[in-house]
Amino acid sequence: PNIVIILADDLGWNDVGYHGSEIRTPNIDRLAAEGVVLERFYAQATCTPTRAALLSGKSPQSLGIYQPFSKLIPTGLPLTERLLPEHLQDLGYQTALVGKWHLGFREAAYHPLSRGFEHFYGNVTGGVGFWDHVHGGGLDWQRNGETVYDTGYATDLEADEAIRLLAAHDKNKPFFMYLSFNAVHLPNEAPAEAIERYGHISDRYRRVHAAMASKMDEAIGRLIASLNDEGLLDNTLIWFMSDNGGV
């Protein structure tokens, strides 16, 4: 089967519609209704440890990873580890990462293209601006090791890339796509029209946060529609999870 792992960033228990949230997430709700919901499914408390566990299959403590990597850390997820995409490549899978990496920044050996991903589009550090794609004072937005100056909202750009890759992939091979959204991590930023839909929420931070979650849900809906249009949906395993709970 094809495999798609969709990872949200800092999405809380009360940020999805099927948990009774005021945030509308119909596409995520549909995945829950038509799939299996793991409601005692534990993640680490912060992003890098969860991502390290997800791709290595090991507890982050055993890897010596206890907190998010800052952009000043010279290393990353230990190079001694063989990661999920590398194992899947051995089985003939095409592999792609779209979105946030956050498992090693300073040296190319720790970048996604050196860790089993054939294609990478997104950012290698932690949270970036959704409009300017800047982290820590520098632009962090790339495609396959080359900085790109794409304009637009990060969630939309990530969905666009994922859909483009699905349409272009070799139909004779299965694919593994790791769609690692920056949403709903800070900074709180969303398109004005998405924010306006939540005008009934009095707290302005929650209002923007809700809009960010809805934009991610729309992106997931687009991805699922693309899988269906390409005739891939019935042979694709889709996992959706958050790297940790809400801030």
C-alpha atoms as a PDB file:
ATOM      1  CA  PRO A   1       0.000   0.000   0.000  1.00  0.00           C
ATOM      2  CA  ASN A   2       0.905   3.642  -0.376  1.00  0.00           C
ATOM      3  CA  ILE A   3       1.542   5.344   2.970  1.00  0.00           C
ATOM      4  CA  VAL A   4       0.741   8.932   3.940  1.00  0.00           C
ATOM      5  CA  ILE A   5       1.616  10.247   7.400  1.00  0.00           C
ATOM      6  CA  ILE A   6       0.059  13.649   8.116  1.00  0.00           C
ATOM      7  CA  LEU A   7       1.603  15.327  11.141  1.00  0.00           C
ATOM      8  CA  ALA A   8       0.117  18.461  12.693  1.00  0.00           C
ATOM      9  CA  ASP A   9       2.224  20.720  14.904  1.00  0.00           C
ATOM     10  CA  ASP A  10       0.942  21.683  18.376  1.00  0.00           C
ATOM     11  CA  LEU A  11      -2.639  20.605  17.635  1.00  0.00           C
ATOM     12  CA  GLY A  12      -4.589  20.216  20.871  1.00  0.00           C
ATOM     13  CA  TRP A  13      -7.232  17.665  21.862  1.00  0.00           C
ATOM     14  CA  ASN A  14      -9.897  20.387  21.649  1.00  0.00           C
ATOM     15  CA  ASP A  15      -8.814  21.564  18.195  1.00  0.00           C
ATOM     16  CA  VAL A  16     -10.747  18.995  16.132  1.00  0.00           C
ATOM     17  CA  GLY A  17     -14.449  18.902  15.442  1.00  0.00           C
ATOM     18  CA  TYR A  18     -15.013  15.250  16.365  1.00  0.00           C
ATOM     19  CA  HIS A  19     -13.931  16.073  19.930  1.00  0.00           C
ATOM     20  CA  GLY A  20     -16.649  18.713  20.160  1.00  0.00           C
ATOM     21  CA  SER A  21     -14.448  21.695  19.330  1.00  0.00           C
ATOM     22  CA  GLU A  22     -15.789  24.962  17.990  1.00  0.00           C
ATOM     23  CA  ILE A  23     -13.160  24.555  15.268  1.00  0.00           C
ATOM     24  CA  ARG A  24     -14.580  23.046  12.091  1.00  0.00           C
ATOM     25  CA  THR A  25     -12.436  20.177  10.767  1.00  0.00           C
ATOM     26  CA  PRO A  26     -14.735  18.112   8.511  1.00  0.00           C
ATOM     27  CA  ASN A  27     -11.945  16.306   6.666  1.00  0.00           C
ATOM     28  CA  ILE A  28     -10.148  15.222   9.822  1.00  0.00           C
ATOM     29  CA  ASP A  29     -13.548  14.257  11.277  1.00  0.00           C
ATOM     30  CA  ARG A  30     -14.180  12.070   8.234  1.00  0.00           C
ATOM     31  CA  LEU A  31     -10.847  10.281   8.695  1.00  0.00           C
ATOM     32  CA  ALA A  32     -11.878   9.597  12.299  1.00  0.00           C
ATOM     33  CA  ALA A  33     -15.368   8.421  11.344  1.00  0.00           C
ATOM     34  CA  GLU A  34     -14.217   6.111   8.540  1.00  0.00           C
ATOM     35  CA  GLY A  35     -11.004   4.898  10.149  1.00  0.00           C
ATOM     36  CA  VAL A  36      -9.609   3.815  13.499  1.00  0.00           C
ATOM     37  CA  VAL A  37      -9.272   6.388  16.282  1.00  0.00           C
ATOM     38  CA  LEU A  38      -6.478   5.797  18.784  1.00  0.00           C
ATOM     39  CA  GLU A  39      -7.619   7.829  21.778  1.00  0.00           C
ATOM     40  CA  ARG A  40      -4.926   6.536  24.101  1.00  0.00           C
ATOM     41  CA  PHE A  41      -2.159   7.273  21.662  1.00  0.00           C
ATOM     42  CA  TYR A  42       0.733   8.992  23.381  1.00  0.00           C
ATOM     43  CA  ALA A  43       3.253  11.401  21.885  1.00  0.00           C
ATOM     44  CA  GLN A  44       6.148  13.316  23.386  1.00  0.00           C
ATOM     45  CA  ALA A  45       5.553  16.745  24.905  1.00  0.00           C
ATOM     46  CA  THR A  46       7.453  18.677  22.229  1.00  0.00           C
ATOM     47  CA  CYS A  47       8.115  18.434  18.526  1.00  0.00           C
ATOM     48  CA  THR A  48      11.661  17.149  17.905  1.00  0.00           C
ATOM     49  CA  PRO A  49      11.373  14.190  20.317  1.00  0.00           C
ATOM     50  CA  THR A  50       8.110  13.044  18.713  1.00  0.00           C
ATOM     51  CA  ARG A  51       9.523  13.364  15.194  1.00  0.00           C
ATOM     52  CA  ALA A  52      12.636  11.433  16.198  1.00  0.00           C
ATOM     53  CA  ALA A  53      10.510   8.637  17.686  1.00  0.00           C
ATOM     54  CA  LEU A  54       8.197   8.535  14.669  1.00  0.00           C
ATOM     55  CA  LEU A  55      10.964   8.118  12.097  1.00  0.00           C
ATOM     56  CA  SER A  56      13.375   5.974  14.113  1.00  0.00           C
ATOM     57  CA  GLY A  57      10.971   3.694  15.977  1.00  0.00           C
ATOM     58  CA  LYS A  58      12.901   4.337  19.173  1.00  0.00           C
ATOM     59  CA  SER A  59      12.139   6.339  22.296  1.00  0.00           C
ATOM     60  CA  PRO A  60      13.715   9.794  22.033  1.00  0.00           C
ATOM     61  CA  GLN A  61      15.274   9.283  25.456  1.00  0.00           C
ATOM     62  CA  SER A  62      17.283   6.372  24.075  1.00  0.00           C
ATOM     63  CA  LEU A  63      18.465   8.705  21.297  1.00  0.00           C
ATOM     64  CA  GLY A  64      19.462  11.425  23.766  1.00  0.00           C
ATOM     65  CA  ILE A  65      16.789  13.803  22.450  1.00  0.00           C
ATOM     66  CA  TYR A  66      14.829  15.543  25.207  1.00  0.00           C
ATOM     67  CA  GLN A  67      13.793  18.907  23.746  1.00  0.00           C
ATOM     68  CA  PRO A  68      13.274  20.731  20.448  1.00  0.00           C
ATOM     69  CA  PHE A  69      16.451  21.296  18.452  1.00  0.00           C
ATOM     70  CA  SER A  70      17.460  24.930  18.257  1.00  0.00           C
ATOM     71  CA  LYS A  71      19.048  26.189  15.062  1.00  0.00           C
ATOM     72  CA  LEU A  72      22.332  26.451  16.968  1.00  0.00           C
ATOM     73  CA  ILE A  73      22.638  22.708  17.583  1.00  0.00           C
ATOM     74  CA  PRO A  74      25.333  21.472  15.152  1.00  0.00           C
ATOM     75  CA  THR A  75      24.057  17.876  14.894  1.00  0.00           C
ATOM     76  CA  GLY A  76      20.633  16.212  14.749  1.00  0.00           C
ATOM     77  CA  LEU A  77      18.963  12.829  14.874  1.00  0.00           C
ATOM     78  CA  PRO A  78      21.970  10.468  15.237  1.00  0.00           C
ATOM     79  CA  LEU A  79      23.394   9.350  11.907  1.00  0.00           C
ATOM     80  CA  THR A  80      23.738   5.828  13.280  1.00  0.00           C
ATOM     81  CA  GLU A  81      19.958   5.418  13.013  1.00  0.00           C
ATOM     82  CA  ARG A  82      18.297   4.026   9.892  1.00  0.00           C
ATOM     83  CA  LEU A  83      14.995   5.813   9.473  1.00  0.00           C
ATOM     84  CA  LEU A  84      11.568   4.759   8.247  1.00  0.00           C
ATOM     85  CA  PRO A  85      11.986   6.200   4.724  1.00  0.00           C
ATOM     86  CA  GLU A  86      15.276   4.306   4.317  1.00  0.00           C
ATOM     87  CA  HIS A  87      13.608   1.018   5.220  1.00  0.00           C
ATOM     88  CA  LEU A  88      10.750   1.783   2.843  1.00  0.00           C
ATOM     89  CA  GLN A  89      13.197   2.613   0.055  1.00  0.00           C
ATOM     90  CA  ASP A  90      14.587  -0.897   0.483  1.00  0.00           C
ATOM     91  CA  LEU A  91      11.065  -2.148  -0.287  1.00  0.00           C
ATOM     92  CA  GLY A  92      10.829  -0.104  -3.475  1.00  0.00           C
ATOM     93  CA  TYR A  93       8.939   2.903  -2.128  1.00  0.00           C
ATOM     94  CA  GLN A  94       9.291   6.421  -3.475  1.00  0.00           C
ATOM     95  CA  THR A  95       9.753   8.750  -0.505  1.00  0.00           C
ATOM     96  CA  ALA A  96       8.938  12.417  -0.013  1.00  0.00           C
ATOM     97  CA  LEU A  97       8.822  14.867   2.874  1.00  0.00           C
ATOM     98  CA  VAL A  98       6.749  18.011   2.581  1.00  0.00           C
ATOM     99  CA  GLY A  99       6.780  20.541   5.428  1.00  0.00           C
ATOM    100  CA  LYS A 100       8.723  20.717   8.668  1.00  0.00           C
ATOM    101  CA  TRP A 101      11.802  18.550   9.367  1.00  0.00           C
ATOM    102  CA  HIS A 102      13.318  19.802  12.679  1.00  0.00           C
ATOM    103  CA  LEU A 103      15.708  16.859  13.100  1.00  0.00           C
ATOM    104  CA  GLY A 104      18.991  18.491  12.162  1.00  0.00           C
ATOM    105  CA  PHE A 105      19.809  21.784  10.506  1.00  0.00           C
ATOM    106  CA  ARG A 106      23.466  22.823  10.374  1.00  0.00           C
ATOM    107  CA  GLU A 107      25.026  19.990   8.337  1.00  0.00           C
ATOM    108  CA  ALA A 108      23.728  18.415   5.136  1.00  0.00           C
ATOM    109  CA  ALA A 109      24.268  14.917   6.541  1.00  0.00           C
ATOM    110  CA  TYR A 110      21.365  15.545   8.915  1.00  0.00           C
ATOM    111  CA  HIS A 111      19.017  16.905   6.238  1.00  0.00           C
ATOM    112  CA  PRO A 112      16.075  14.910   4.831  1.00  0.00           C
ATOM    113  CA  LEU A 113      17.766  14.129   1.508  1.00  0.00           C
ATOM    114  CA  SER A 114      20.513  12.346   3.450  1.00  0.00           C
ATOM    115  CA  ARG A 115      18.041  10.403   5.615  1.00  0.00           C
ATOM    116  CA  GLY A 116      16.010   8.463   3.087  1.00  0.00           C
ATOM    117  CA  PHE A 117      13.835  11.092   1.427  1.00  0.00           C
ATOM    118  CA  GLU A 118      14.133  11.438  -2.339  1.00  0.00           C
ATOM    119  CA  HIS A 119      12.265  14.735  -2.363  1.00  0.00           C
ATOM    120  CA  PHE A 120      12.026  17.474   0.249  1.00  0.00           C
ATOM    121  CA  TYR A 121      10.064  20.713   0.219  1.00  0.00           C
ATOM    122  CA  GLY A 122       9.665  22.881   3.298  1.00  0.00           C
ATOM    123  CA  ASN A 123      11.781  23.983   6.251  1.00  0.00           C
ATOM    124  CA  VAL A 124      14.532  22.251   8.196  1.00  0.00           C
ATOM    125  CA  THR A 125      14.345  24.311  11.415  1.00  0.00           C
ATOM    126  CA  GLY A 126      11.444  24.782  13.841  1.00  0.00           C
ATOM    127  CA  GLY A 127       8.414  26.977  13.326  1.00  0.00           C
ATOM    128  CA  VAL A 128       8.620  29.449  10.450  1.00  0.00           C
ATOM    129  CA  GLY A 129       6.453  32.422   9.609  1.00  0.00           C
ATOM    130  CA  PHE A 130       3.475  31.298   7.578  1.00  0.00           C
ATOM    131  CA  TRP A 131       3.807  34.209   5.174  1.00  0.00           C
ATOM    132  CA  ASP A 132       7.515  35.109   5.204  1.00  0.00           C
ATOM    133  CA  HIS A 133       8.883  31.573   5.858  1.00  0.00           C
ATOM    134  CA  VAL A 134      11.507  33.010   8.215  1.00  0.00           C
ATOM    135  CA  HIS A 135      12.874  31.329  11.331  1.00  0.00           C
ATOM    136  CA  GLY A 136      15.337  32.997  13.688  1.00  0.00           C
ATOM    137  CA  GLY A 137      15.992  35.878  11.317  1.00  0.00           C
ATOM    138  CA  GLY A 138      16.657  33.828   8.186  1.00  0.00           C
ATOM    139  CA  LEU A 139      14.608  32.456   5.323  1.00  0.00           C
ATOM    140  CA  ASP A 140      14.078  28.718   5.754  1.00  0.00           C
ATOM    141  CA  TRP A 141      12.150  27.437   2.746  1.00  0.00           C
ATOM    142  CA  GLN A 142      13.699  25.050   0.273  1.00  0.00           C
ATOM    143  CA  ARG A 143      13.188  22.409  -2.333  1.00  0.00           C
ATOM    144  CA  ASN A 144      15.775  19.632  -2.441  1.00  0.00           C
ATOM    145  CA  GLY A 145      18.497  21.675  -0.787  1.00  0.00           C
ATOM    146  CA  GLU A 146      17.963  24.855  -2.787  1.00  0.00           C
ATOM    147  CA  THR A 147      16.376  27.938  -1.207  1.00  0.00           C
ATOM    148  CA  VAL A 148      13.124  28.901  -2.918  1.00  0.00           C
ATOM    149  CA  TYR A 149      11.283  32.200  -2.682  1.00  0.00           C
ATOM    150  CA  ASP A 150       7.747  30.900  -3.085  1.00  0.00           C
ATOM    151  CA  THR A 151       5.121  33.369  -1.945  1.00  0.00           C
ATOM    152  CA  GLY A 152       1.947  32.322  -0.200  1.00  0.00           C
ATOM    153  CA  TYR A 153       0.596  30.805   2.988  1.00  0.00           C
ATOM    154  CA  ALA A 154       2.754  27.895   4.178  1.00  0.00           C
ATOM    155  CA  THR A 155      -0.126  25.443   4.655  1.00  0.00           C
ATOM    156  CA  ASP A 156      -1.363  26.052   1.117  1.00  0.00           C
ATOM    157  CA  LEU A 157       2.142  25.748  -0.344  1.00  0.00           C
ATOM    158  CA  GLU A 158       2.685  22.446   1.459  1.00  0.00           C
ATOM    159  CA  ALA A 159      -0.596  21.053   0.138  1.00  0.00           C
ATOM    160  CA  ASP A 160       0.198  22.255  -3.395  1.00  0.00           C
ATOM    161  CA  GLU A 161       3.556  20.458  -3.347  1.00  0.00           C
ATOM    162  CA  ALA A 162       2.107  17.233  -1.949  1.00  0.00           C
ATOM    163  CA  ILE A 163      -0.612  17.155  -4.604  1.00  0.00           C
ATOM    164  CA  ARG A 164       1.892  17.899  -7.369  1.00  0.00           C
ATOM    165  CA  LEU A 165       4.114  15.041  -6.210  1.00  0.00           C
ATOM    166  CA  LEU A 166       1.204  12.601  -6.155  1.00  0.00           C
ATOM    167  CA  ALA A 167       0.301  13.474  -9.722  1.00  0.00           C
ATOM    168  CA  ALA A 168       3.905  13.097 -10.917  1.00  0.00           C
ATOM    169  CA  HIS A 169       4.991   9.960  -9.056  1.00  0.00           C
ATOM    170  CA  ASP A 170       5.927   6.721 -10.803  1.00  0.00           C
ATOM    171  CA  LYS A 171       2.668   4.781 -10.895  1.00  0.00           C
ATOM    172  CA  ASN A 172       4.575   1.500 -10.964  1.00  0.00           C
ATOM    173  CA  LYS A 173       5.961   2.045  -7.472  1.00  0.00           C
ATOM    174  CA  PRO A 174       4.294   2.619  -4.101  1.00  0.00           C
ATOM    175  CA  PHE A 175       4.975   5.918  -2.362  1.00  0.00           C
ATOM    176  CA  PHE A 176       5.572   7.097   1.181  1.00  0.00           C
ATOM    177  CA  MET A 177       4.637  10.709   1.822  1.00  0.00           C
ATOM    178  CA  TYR A 178       5.377  12.427   5.118  1.00  0.00           C
ATOM    179  CA  LEU A 179       3.268  15.588   5.105  1.00  0.00           C
ATOM    180  CA  SER A 180       4.498  17.506   8.124  1.00  0.00           C
ATOM    181  CA  PHE A 181       2.477  20.704   8.430  1.00  0.00           C
ATOM    182  CA  ASN A 182       3.811  23.723  10.304  1.00  0.00           C
ATOM    183  CA  ALA A 183       0.230  24.427  11.386  1.00  0.00           C
ATOM    184  CA  VAL A 184      -0.872  25.138  14.036  1.00  0.00           C
ATOM    185  CA  HIS A 185       2.480  26.124  15.552  1.00  0.00           C
ATOM    186  CA  LEU A 186       3.214  29.755  16.379  1.00  0.00           C
ATOM    187  CA  PRO A 187       3.304  32.389  14.961  1.00  0.00           C
ATOM    188  CA  ASN A 188      -0.473  32.771  14.942  1.00  0.00           C
ATOM    189  CA  GLU A 189      -1.079  33.682  11.302  1.00  0.00           C
ATOM    190  CA  ALA A 190      -3.879  32.884   8.885  1.00  0.00           C
ATOM    191  CA  PRO A 191      -5.580  34.418   5.833  1.00  0.00           C
ATOM    192  CA  ALA A 192      -8.110  37.121   6.688  1.00  0.00           C
ATOM    193  CA  GLU A 193     -11.049  35.242   5.162  1.00  0.00           C
ATOM    194  CA  ALA A 194     -10.287  32.180   7.284  1.00  0.00           C
ATOM    195  CA  ILE A 195     -10.147  34.294  10.446  1.00  0.00           C
ATOM    196  CA  GLU A 196     -13.433  36.005   9.585  1.00  0.00           C
ATOM    197  CA  ARG A 197     -15.250  32.657   9.680  1.00  0.00           C
ATOM    198  CA  TYR A 198     -14.545  32.549  13.431  1.00  0.00           C
ATOM    199  CA  GLY A 199     -15.738  36.032  14.293  1.00  0.00           C
ATOM    200  CA  HIS A 200     -17.909  34.526  17.037  1.00  0.00           C
ATOM    201  CA  ILE A 201     -14.798  33.554  19.039  1.00  0.00           C
ATOM    202  CA  SER A 202     -14.005  36.482  21.327  1.00  0.00           C
ATOM    203  CA  ASP A 203     -10.361  35.691  22.064  1.00  0.00           C
ATOM    204  CA  ARG A 204      -8.342  36.912  19.090  1.00  0.00           C
ATOM    205  CA  TYR A 205      -5.545  34.375  19.564  1.00  0.00           C
ATOM    206  CA  ARG A 206      -8.013  31.485  19.649  1.00  0.00           C
ATOM    207  CA  ARG A 207      -9.761  32.970  16.619  1.00  0.00           C
ATOM    208  CA  VAL A 208      -6.575  32.923  14.529  1.00  0.00           C
ATOM    209  CA  HIS A 209      -5.613  29.520  15.904  1.00  0.00           C
ATOM    210  CA  ALA A 210      -8.994  28.153  14.794  1.00  0.00           C
ATOM    211  CA  ALA A 211      -8.464  29.594  11.336  1.00  0.00           C
ATOM    212  CA  MET A 212      -5.045  27.914  11.130  1.00  0.00           C
ATOM    213  CA  ALA A 213      -6.546  24.543  12.035  1.00  0.00           C
ATOM    214  CA  SER A 214      -9.319  24.970   9.462  1.00  0.00           C
ATOM    215  CA  LYS A 215      -6.794  25.848   6.753  1.00  0.00           C
ATOM    216  CA  MET A 216      -4.876  22.666   7.571  1.00  0.00           C
ATOM    217  CA  ASP A 217      -8.111  20.667   7.440  1.00  0.00           C
ATOM    218  CA  GLU A 218      -8.866  22.144   4.010  1.00  0.00           C
ATOM    219  CA  ALA A 219      -5.386  21.140   2.849  1.00  0.00           C
ATOM    220  CA  ILE A 220      -5.982  17.571   4.073  1.00  0.00           C
ATOM    221  CA  GLY A 221      -9.274  17.529   2.184  1.00  0.00           C
ATOM    222  CA  ARG A 222      -7.493  18.600  -0.992  1.00  0.00           C
ATOM    223  CA  LEU A 223      -4.903  15.860  -0.527  1.00  0.00           C
ATOM    224  CA  ILE A 224      -7.555  13.171  -0.041  1.00  0.00           C
ATOM    225  CA  ALA A 225      -9.449  14.421  -3.105  1.00  0.00           C
ATOM    226  CA  SER A 226      -6.236  14.228  -5.114  1.00  0.00           C
ATOM    227  CA  LEU A 227      -5.605  10.651  -3.974  1.00  0.00           C
ATOM    228  CA  ASN A 228      -9.133   9.800  -5.085  1.00  0.00           C
ATOM    229  CA  ASP A 229      -8.741  11.551  -8.440  1.00  0.00           C
ATOM    230  CA  GLU A 230      -5.483   9.665  -9.076  1.00  0.00           C
ATOM    231  CA  GLY A 231      -7.168   6.352  -8.252  1.00  0.00           C
ATOM    232  CA  LEU A 232      -4.863   5.837  -5.267  1.00  0.00           C
ATOM    233  CA  LEU A 233      -7.158   6.262  -2.291  1.00  0.00           C
ATOM    234  CA  ASP A 234      -8.279   2.650  -1.901  1.00  0.00           C
ATOM    235  CA  ASN A 235      -4.675   1.458  -1.710  1.00  0.00           C
ATOM    236  CA  THR A 236      -3.347   4.148   0.631  1.00  0.00           C
ATOM    237  CA  LEU A 237      -2.913   4.027   4.398  1.00  0.00           C
ATOM    238  CA  ILE A 238      -3.444   7.492   5.889  1.00  0.00           C
ATOM    239  CA  TRP A 239      -2.264   8.323   9.409  1.00  0.00           C
ATOM    240  CA  PHE A 240      -3.117  11.638  11.036  1.00  0.00           C
ATOM    241  CA  MET A 241      -1.588  12.734  14.336  1.00  0.00           C
ATOM    242  CA  SER A 242      -0.162  15.713  16.182  1.00  0.00           C
ATOM    243  CA  ASP A 243       3.434  15.921  17.373  1.00  0.00           C
ATOM    244  CA  ASN A 244       2.182  17.039  20.797  1.00  0.00           C
ATOM    245  CA  GLY A 245      -0.798  18.693  22.419  1.00  0.00           C
ATOM    246  CA  GLY A 246      -1.760  22.343  22.363  1.00  0.00           C
ATOM    247  CA  VAL A 247       0.559  25.028  23.694  1.00  0.00           C
END
